[in-house]
Amino acid sequence: MGRRFVFKTFSQRIEEIEIDVYSSLNKIKSVPSEGSTFLRDCLIEFRELNTAEDFISFYEEMMPFVQTLPLVILHKETIFSQLISRLQMKARLSVEAILRLIAALCRDLPDDFVSFLPRIVDSLVSLLKSGADREPDIIEQIFVAWSYILMYLQKSLLENNRLVDVLK
């Protein structure tokens, strides 16, 4: 009988990361649930999957702000600030959910979201510097979320060379 579990080094685990948001196993919904937002749908999905205390408190705090797209637009700065403030290693059990929620917010607000990109990059770098750079699972989650964000924003970024402006 062969060995079931084989120790893999950090570099082996990193080399095995494959990210392809265009042919993901998870079907991407083209529209949110009726009368909802992508952010709300994602928040509800992760509430069922994530029982970490910090995520539950985030869920309870944010749910009133994400019921409809007009509410998300009105509270976009608050929502975004709360999301990036929770990208911390001390809340590592919630990192994947928070990253996915950031991508969902991006999908709800593609034109408005471009201005948030520098702050996202700063938050991701800070997360990596605080220990995530030694966690292959979190590195993968960061790259997956970043890939989705860029996929959702590709049209907005390509219009009038906005990507160049954002990266300056």
Foldseek 3Di string as FASTA:
>chain_A
DDDPDDDDDLVRLLVPQDADVVPDPDDDDPADPPQFALLLVLLVVVVVVADDPVSVVLSVVCNVQGRGLVSCVVCVVVNVVVLLVPLAPVVVSCNLSSLVSLLRSCLSPVQVCLLCVVVVVVSVVVRCVRPCVSPSVNVSSNVNSVVSSCVSNVVVCPVPNVVVVSVD
